[in-house]
Amino acid sequence: LLIKKEKVDFTQILSLQQNAIVGTSSSR
């Protein structure tokens, strides 16, 4: 998972801020 530095939240699972927009086209 590559995250924009300003969208990081280390208190969250996966270190992503709440309601982050994640790009993927894979159902899995």
PDB file of all heavy atoms in Angstrom:
ATOM      1  N   LEU A   1       0.856  -1.183   0.000  1.00  0.00           N
ATOM      2  CA  LEU A   1       0.000   0.000   0.000  1.00  0.00           C
ATOM      3  C   LEU A   1       0.890   1.231   0.000  1.00  0.00           C
ATOM      4  O   LEU A   1       1.733   1.394   0.891  1.00  0.00           O
ATOM      5  CB  LEU A   1      -0.900  -0.016   1.245  1.00  0.00           C
ATOM      6  CG  LEU A   1      -1.932   1.105   1.405  1.00  0.00           C
ATOM      7  CD1 LEU A   1      -3.013   1.008   0.321  1.00  0.00           C
ATOM      8  CD2 LEU A   1      -2.559   1.049   2.791  1.00  0.00           C
ATOM      9  N   LEU A   2       0.750   2.071  -1.024  1.00  0.00           N
ATOM     10  CA  LEU A   2       1.480   3.337  -1.094  1.00  0.00           C
ATOM     11  C   LEU A   2       0.520   4.453  -0.699  1.00  0.00           C
ATOM     12  O   LEU A   2      -0.554   4.591  -1.295  1.00  0.00           O
ATOM     13  CB  LEU A   2       2.011   3.588  -2.506  1.00  0.00           C
ATOM     14  CG  LEU A   2       2.950   2.531  -3.100  1.00  0.00           C
ATOM     15  CD1 LEU A   2       3.415   2.963  -4.485  1.00  0.00           C
ATOM     16  CD2 LEU A   2       4.137   2.273  -2.191  1.00  0.00           C
ATOM     17  N   ILE A   3       0.900   5.236   0.304  1.00  0.00           N
ATOM     18  CA  ILE A   3       0.019   6.267   0.854  1.00  0.00           C
ATOM     19  C   ILE A   3       0.679   7.640   0.728  1.00  0.00           C
ATOM     20  O   ILE A   3       1.868   7.802   1.028  1.00  0.00           O
ATOM     21  CB  ILE A   3      -0.283   6.010   2.345  1.00  0.00           C
ATOM     22  CG1 ILE A   3      -0.749   4.568   2.576  1.00  0.00           C
ATOM     23  CG2 ILE A   3      -1.330   6.987   2.854  1.00  0.00           C
ATOM     24  CD1 ILE A   3      -0.907   4.211   4.048  1.00  0.00           C
ATOM     25  N   LYS A   4      -0.090   8.632   0.304  1.00  0.00           N
ATOM     26  CA  LYS A   4       0.402  10.008   0.325  1.00  0.00           C
ATOM     27  C   LYS A   4       0.751  10.367   1.761  1.00  0.00           C
ATOM     28  O   LYS A   4       0.008  10.063   2.693  1.00  0.00           O
ATOM     29  CB  LYS A   4      -0.685  10.962  -0.193  1.00  0.00           C
ATOM     30  CG  LYS A   4      -1.071  10.750  -1.645  1.00  0.00           C
ATOM     31  CD  LYS A   4      -0.071  11.344  -2.609  1.00  0.00           C
ATOM     32  CE  LYS A   4      -0.127  12.854  -2.604  1.00  0.00           C
ATOM     33  NZ  LYS A   4       0.783  13.436  -3.631  1.00  0.00           N
ATOM     34  N   LYS A   5       1.891  11.006   1.966  1.00  0.00           N
ATOM     35  CA  LYS A   5       2.387  11.290   3.323  1.00  0.00           C
ATOM     36  C   LYS A   5       1.349  12.047   4.154  1.00  0.00           C
ATOM     37  O   LYS A   5       1.189  11.794   5.354  1.00  0.00           O
ATOM     38  CB  LYS A   5       3.675  12.110   3.248  1.00  0.00           C
ATOM     39  CG  LYS A   5       4.858  11.383   2.605  1.00  0.00           C
ATOM     40  CD  LYS A   5       5.516  10.397   3.545  1.00  0.00           C
ATOM     41  CE  LYS A   5       6.831   9.894   2.973  1.00  0.00           C
ATOM     42  NZ  LYS A   5       7.486   8.892   3.827  1.00  0.00           N
ATOM     43  N   GLU A   6       0.626  12.970   3.516  1.00  0.00           N
ATOM     44  CA  GLU A   6      -0.337  13.779   4.263  1.00  0.00           C
ATOM     45  C   GLU A   6      -1.629  13.022   4.594  1.00  0.00           C
ATOM     46  O   GLU A   6      -2.491  13.536   5.312  1.00  0.00           O
ATOM     47  CB  GLU A   6      -0.680  15.064   3.486  1.00  0.00           C
ATOM     48  CG  GLU A   6      -1.327  14.856   2.132  1.00  0.00           C
ATOM     49  CD  GLU A   6      -0.321  14.723   0.996  1.00  0.00           C
ATOM     50  OE1 GLU A   6       0.852  14.363   1.274  1.00  0.00           O
ATOM     51  OE2 GLU A   6      -0.715  14.984  -0.163  1.00  0.00           O
ATOM     52  N   LYS A   7      -1.756  11.805   4.071  1.00  0.00           N
ATOM     53  CA  LYS A   7      -2.957  10.993   4.322  1.00  0.00           C
ATOM     54  C   LYS A   7      -2.678   9.849   5.299  1.00  0.00           C
ATOM     55  O   LYS A   7      -3.505   8.951   5.469  1.00  0.00           O
ATOM     56  CB  LYS A   7      -3.486  10.436   3.003  1.00  0.00           C
ATOM     57  CG  LYS A   7      -3.917  11.500   2.001  1.00  0.00           C
ATOM     58  CD  LYS A   7      -5.080  12.324   2.536  1.00  0.00           C
ATOM     59  CE  LYS A   7      -5.504  13.385   1.520  1.00  0.00           C
ATOM     60  NZ  LYS A   7      -6.669  14.171   2.013  1.00  0.00           N
ATOM     61  N   VAL A   8      -1.532   9.879   5.940  1.00  0.00           N
ATOM     62  CA  VAL A   8      -1.143   8.821   6.872  1.00  0.00           C
ATOM     63  C   VAL A   8      -1.714   9.091   8.262  1.00  0.00           C
ATOM     64  O   VAL A   8      -1.725  10.232   8.732  1.00  0.00           O
ATOM     65  CB  VAL A   8       0.398   8.713   6.955  1.00  0.00           C
ATOM     66  CG1 VAL A   8       0.818   7.763   8.067  1.00  0.00           C
ATOM     67  CG2 VAL A   8       0.972   8.272   5.614  1.00  0.00           C
ATOM     68  N   ASP A   9      -2.211   8.020   8.890  1.00  0.00           N
ATOM     69  CA  ASP A   9      -2.643   8.081  10.283  1.00  0.00           C
ATOM     70  C   ASP A   9      -2.215   6.772  10.940  1.00  0.00           C
ATOM     71  O   ASP A   9      -2.863   5.736  10.763  1.00  0.00           O
ATOM     72  CB  ASP A   9      -4.158   8.275  10.379  1.00  0.00           C
ATOM     73  CG  ASP A   9      -4.644   8.402  11.824  1.00  0.00           C
ATOM     74  OD1 ASP A   9      -3.855   8.127  12.755  1.00  0.00           O
ATOM     75  OD2 ASP A   9      -5.825   8.762  12.018  1.00  0.00           O
ATOM     76  N   PHE A  10      -1.138   6.812  11.688  1.00  0.00           N
ATOM     77  CA  PHE A  10      -0.565   5.602  12.258  1.00  0.00           C
ATOM     78  C   PHE A  10      -1.419   4.993  13.369  1.00  0.00           C
ATOM     79  O   PHE A  10      -1.157   3.883  13.811  1.00  0.00           O
ATOM     80  CB  PHE A  10       0.850   5.872  12.776  1.00  0.00           C
ATOM     81  CG  PHE A  10       1.847   6.160  11.687  1.00  0.00           C
ATOM     82  CD1 PHE A  10       2.488   7.391  11.620  1.00  0.00           C
ATOM     83  CD2 PHE A  10       2.143   5.205  10.710  1.00  0.00           C
ATOM     84  CE1 PHE A  10       3.407   7.657  10.618  1.00  0.00           C
ATOM     85  CE2 PHE A  10       3.063   5.464   9.703  1.00  0.00           C
ATOM     86  CZ  PHE A  10       3.695   6.693   9.657  1.00  0.00           C
ATOM     87  N   THR A  11      -2.450   5.706  13.809  1.00  0.00           N
ATOM     88  CA  THR A  11      -3.348   5.146  14.827  1.00  0.00           C
ATOM     89  C   THR A  11      -4.403   4.225  14.215  1.00  0.00           C
ATOM     90  O   THR A  11      -5.110   3.536  14.937  1.00  0.00           O
ATOM     91  CB  THR A  11      -4.062   6.259  15.610  1.00  0.00           C
ATOM     92  OG1 THR A  11      -5.000   6.926  14.746  1.00  0.00           O
ATOM     93  CG2 THR A  11      -3.064   7.253  16.173  1.00  0.00           C
ATOM     94  N   GLN A  12      -4.503   4.232  12.885  1.00  0.00           N
ATOM     95  CA  GLN A  12      -5.515   3.453  12.182  1.00  0.00           C
ATOM     96  C   GLN A  12      -4.907   2.183  11.576  1.00  0.00           C
ATOM     97  O   GLN A  12      -3.718   2.157  11.226  1.00  0.00           O
ATOM     98  CB  GLN A  12      -6.148   4.288  11.055  1.00  0.00           C
ATOM     99  CG  GLN A  12      -6.847   5.556  11.509  1.00  0.00           C
ATOM    100  CD  GLN A  12      -8.148   5.290  12.214  1.00  0.00           C
ATOM    101  OE1 GLN A  12      -8.812   4.285  11.976  1.00  0.00           O
ATOM    102  NE2 GLN A  12      -8.534   6.198  13.114  1.00  0.00           N
ATOM    103  N   ILE A  13      -5.728   1.162  11.419  1.00  0.00           N
ATOM    104  CA  ILE A  13      -5.306  -0.033  10.688  1.00  0.00           C
ATOM    105  C   ILE A  13      -4.940   0.365   9.260  1.00  0.00           C
ATOM    106  O   ILE A  13      -5.635   1.171   8.632  1.00  0.00           O
ATOM    107  CB  ILE A  13      -6.426  -1.095  10.674  1.00  0.00           C
ATOM    108  CG1 ILE A  13      -6.692  -1.590  12.093  1.00  0.00           C
ATOM    109  CG2 ILE A  13      -6.059  -2.271   9.765  1.00  0.00           C
ATOM    110  CD1 ILE A  13      -7.871  -2.549  12.183  1.00  0.00           C
ATOM    111  N   LEU A  14      -3.836  -0.152   8.768  1.00  0.00           N
ATOM    112  CA  LEU A  14      -3.274   0.148   7.443  1.00  0.00           C
ATOM    113  C   LEU A  14      -2.663   1.555   7.366  1.00  0.00           C
ATOM    114  O   LEU A  14      -2.207   1.970   6.305  1.00  0.00           O
ATOM    115  CB  LEU A  14      -4.305  -0.028   6.323  1.00  0.00           C
ATOM    116  CG  LEU A  14      -4.960  -1.414   6.196  1.00  0.00           C
ATOM    117  CD1 LEU A  14      -6.018  -1.405   5.093  1.00  0.00           C
ATOM    118  CD2 LEU A  14      -3.914  -2.476   5.910  1.00  0.00           C
ATOM    119  N   SER A  15      -2.667   2.276   8.489  1.00  0.00           N
ATOM    120  CA  SER A  15      -2.046   3.609   8.577  1.00  0.00           C
ATOM    121  C   SER A  15      -2.693   4.639   7.654  1.00  0.00           C
ATOM    122  O   SER A  15      -2.067   5.636   7.284  1.00  0.00           O
ATOM    123  CB  SER A  15      -0.536   3.522   8.276  1.00  0.00           C
ATOM    124  OG  SER A  15       0.103   2.672   9.199  1.00  0.00           O
ATOM    125  N   LEU A  16      -3.953   4.419   7.308  1.00  0.00           N
ATOM    126  CA  LEU A  16      -4.679   5.339   6.433  1.00  0.00           C
ATOM    127  C   LEU A  16      -5.645   6.199   7.240  1.00  0.00           C
ATOM    128  O   LEU A  16      -6.307   5.718   8.164  1.00  0.00           O
ATOM    129  CB  LEU A  16      -5.501   4.553   5.399  1.00  0.00           C
ATOM    130  CG  LEU A  16      -4.820   4.147   4.099  1.00  0.00           C
ATOM    131  CD1 LEU A  16      -5.671   3.123   3.380  1.00  0.00           C
ATOM    132  CD2 LEU A  16      -4.592   5.360   3.206  1.00  0.00           C
ATOM    133  N   GLN A  17      -5.756   7.478   6.859  1.00  0.00           N
ATOM    134  CA  GLN A  17      -6.746   8.352   7.466  1.00  0.00           C
ATOM    135  C   GLN A  17      -8.158   7.835   7.204  1.00  0.00           C
ATOM    136  O   GLN A  17      -8.395   7.081   6.255  1.00  0.00           O
ATOM    137  CB  GLN A  17      -6.619   9.776   6.910  1.00  0.00           C
ATOM    138  CG  GLN A  17      -5.414  10.539   7.397  1.00  0.00           C
ATOM    139  CD  GLN A  17      -5.396  11.976   6.890  1.00  0.00           C
ATOM    140  OE1 GLN A  17      -6.311  12.397   6.166  1.00  0.00           O
ATOM    141  NE2 GLN A  17      -4.371  12.722   7.253  1.00  0.00           N
ATOM    142  N   GLN A  18      -9.091   8.249   8.029  1.00  0.00           N
ATOM    143  CA  GLN A  18     -10.495   7.891   7.836  1.00  0.00           C
ATOM    144  C   GLN A  18     -10.979   8.368   6.466  1.00  0.00           C
ATOM    145  O   GLN A  18     -10.617   9.445   5.990  1.00  0.00           O
ATOM    146  CB  GLN A  18     -11.362   8.544   8.930  1.00  0.00           C
ATOM    147  CG  GLN A  18     -11.279   7.853  10.280  1.00  0.00           C
ATOM    148  CD  GLN A  18     -12.097   6.561  10.315  1.00  0.00           C
ATOM    149  OE1 GLN A  18     -13.227   6.501   9.834  1.00  0.00           O
ATOM    150  NE2 GLN A  18     -11.510   5.512  10.882  1.00  0.00           N
ATOM    151  N   ASN A  19     -11.792   7.503   5.825  1.00  0.00           N
ATOM    152  CA  ASN A  19     -12.447   7.819   4.545  1.00  0.00           C
ATOM    153  C   ASN A  19     -11.458   8.083   3.412  1.00  0.00           C
ATOM    154  O   ASN A  19     -11.772   8.789   2.448  1.00  0.00           O
ATOM    155  CB  ASN A  19     -13.387   9.025   4.698  1.00  0.00           C
ATOM    156  CG  ASN A  19     -14.416   8.814   5.790  1.00  0.00           C
ATOM    157  OD1 ASN A  19     -15.097   7.785   5.820  1.00  0.00           O
ATOM    158  ND2 ASN A  19     -14.522   9.761   6.714  1.00  0.00           N
ATOM    159  N   ALA A  20     -10.288   7.516   3.511  1.00  0.00           N
ATOM    160  CA  ALA A  20      -9.292   7.704   2.453  1.00  0.00           C
ATOM    161  C   ALA A  20      -9.761   7.073   1.148  1.00  0.00           C
ATOM    162  O   ALA A  20     -10.505   6.074   1.143  1.00  0.00           O
ATOM    163  CB  ALA A  20      -7.965   7.088   2.881  1.00  0.00           C
ATOM    164  N   ILE A  21      -9.322   7.665   0.033  1.00  0.00           N
ATOM    165  CA  ILE A  21      -9.642   7.152  -1.305  1.00  0.00           C
ATOM    166  C   ILE A  21      -8.488   6.272  -1.758  1.00  0.00           C
ATOM    167  O   ILE A  21      -7.356   6.741  -1.923  1.00  0.00           O
ATOM    168  CB  ILE A  21      -9.860   8.300  -2.306  1.00  0.00           C
ATOM    169  CG1 ILE A  21     -11.017   9.194  -1.857  1.00  0.00           C
ATOM    170  CG2 ILE A  21     -10.121   7.756  -3.706  1.00  0.00           C
ATOM    171  CD1 ILE A  21     -11.140  10.480  -2.671  1.00  0.00           C
ATOM    172  N   VAL A  22      -8.779   4.992  -1.976  1.00  0.00           N
ATOM    173  CA  VAL A  22      -7.742   4.020  -2.338  1.00  0.00           C
ATOM    174  C   VAL A  22      -7.993   3.514  -3.753  1.00  0.00           C
ATOM    175  O   VAL A  22      -9.109   3.093  -4.083  1.00  0.00           O
ATOM    176  CB  VAL A  22      -7.716   2.833  -1.357  1.00  0.00           C
ATOM    177  CG1 VAL A  22      -6.596   1.858  -1.728  1.00  0.00           C
ATOM    178  CG2 VAL A  22      -7.538   3.328   0.072  1.00  0.00           C
ATOM    179  N   GLY A  23      -6.969   3.534  -4.576  1.00  0.00           N
ATOM    180  CA  GLY A  23      -7.084   3.089  -5.956  1.00  0.00           C
ATOM    181  C   GLY A  23      -6.711   1.631  -6.129  1.00  0.00           C
ATOM    182  O   GLY A  23      -5.594   1.225  -5.804  1.00  0.00           O
ATOM    183  N   THR A  24      -7.653   0.837  -6.626  1.00  0.00           N
ATOM    184  CA  THR A  24      -7.408  -0.546  -7.025  1.00  0.00           C
ATOM    185  C   THR A  24      -8.569  -1.014  -7.881  1.00  0.00           C
ATOM    186  O   THR A  24      -9.716  -0.638  -7.640  1.00  0.00           O
ATOM    187  CB  THR A  24      -7.229  -1.492  -5.821  1.00  0.00           C
ATOM    188  OG1 THR A  24      -7.050  -2.829  -6.311  1.00  0.00           O
ATOM    189  CG2 THR A  24      -8.428  -1.479  -4.897  1.00  0.00           C
ATOM    190  N   SER A  25      -8.286  -1.835  -8.890  1.00  0.00           N
ATOM    191  CA  SER A  25      -9.338  -2.414  -9.728  1.00  0.00           C
ATOM    192  C   SER A  25      -9.526  -3.900  -9.460  1.00  0.00           C
ATOM    193  O   SER A  25     -10.260  -4.571 -10.167  1.00  0.00           O
ATOM    194  CB  SER A  25      -9.022  -2.190 -11.213  1.00  0.00           C
ATOM    195  OG  SER A  25      -9.047  -0.813 -11.518  1.00  0.00           O
ATOM    196  N   SER A  26      -8.852  -4.400  -8.434  1.00  0.00           N
ATOM    197  CA  SER A  26      -8.887  -5.833  -8.129  1.00  0.00           C
ATOM    198  C   SER A  26      -9.981  -6.162  -7.117  1.00  0.00           C
ATOM    199  O   SER A  26     -10.015  -5.581  -6.028  1.00  0.00           O
ATOM    200  CB  SER A  26      -7.523  -6.260  -7.567  1.00  0.00           C
ATOM    201  OG  SER A  26      -7.613  -7.478  -6.856  1.00  0.00           O
ATOM    202  N   SER A  27     -10.853  -7.091  -7.448  1.00  0.00           N
ATOM    203  CA  SER A  27     -11.898  -7.525  -6.517  1.00  0.00           C
ATOM    204  C   SER A  27     -11.286  -8.111  -5.250  1.00  0.00           C
ATOM    205  O   SER A  27     -11.792  -7.896  -4.144  1.00  0.00           O
ATOM    206  CB  SER A  27     -12.804  -8.570  -7.178  1.00  0.00           C
ATOM    207  OG  SER A  27     -13.517  -8.007  -8.243  1.00  0.00           O
ATOM    208  N   ARG A  28     -10.206  -8.863  -5.404  1.00  0.00           N
ATOM    209  CA  ARG A  28      -9.530  -9.467  -4.254  1.00  0.00           C
ATOM    210  C   ARG A  28      -9.023  -8.391  -3.307  1.00  0.00           C
ATOM    211  O   ARG A  28      -9.232  -8.461  -2.092  1.00  0.00           O
ATOM    212  CB  ARG A  28      -8.363 -10.342  -4.739  1.00  0.00           C
ATOM    213  CG  ARG A  28      -7.469 -10.886  -3.616  1.00  0.00           C
ATOM    214  CD  ARG A  28      -6.251 -11.604  -4.188  1.00  0.00           C
ATOM    215  NE  ARG A  28      -5.458 -10.763  -5.072  1.00  0.00           N
ATOM    216  CZ  ARG A  28      -4.554  -9.875  -4.643  1.00  0.00           C
ATOM    217  NH1 ARG A  28      -4.326  -9.725  -3.348  1.00  0.00           N
ATOM    218  NH2 ARG A  28      -3.869  -9.151  -5.510  1.00  0.00           N
TER     219      ARG A  28
END
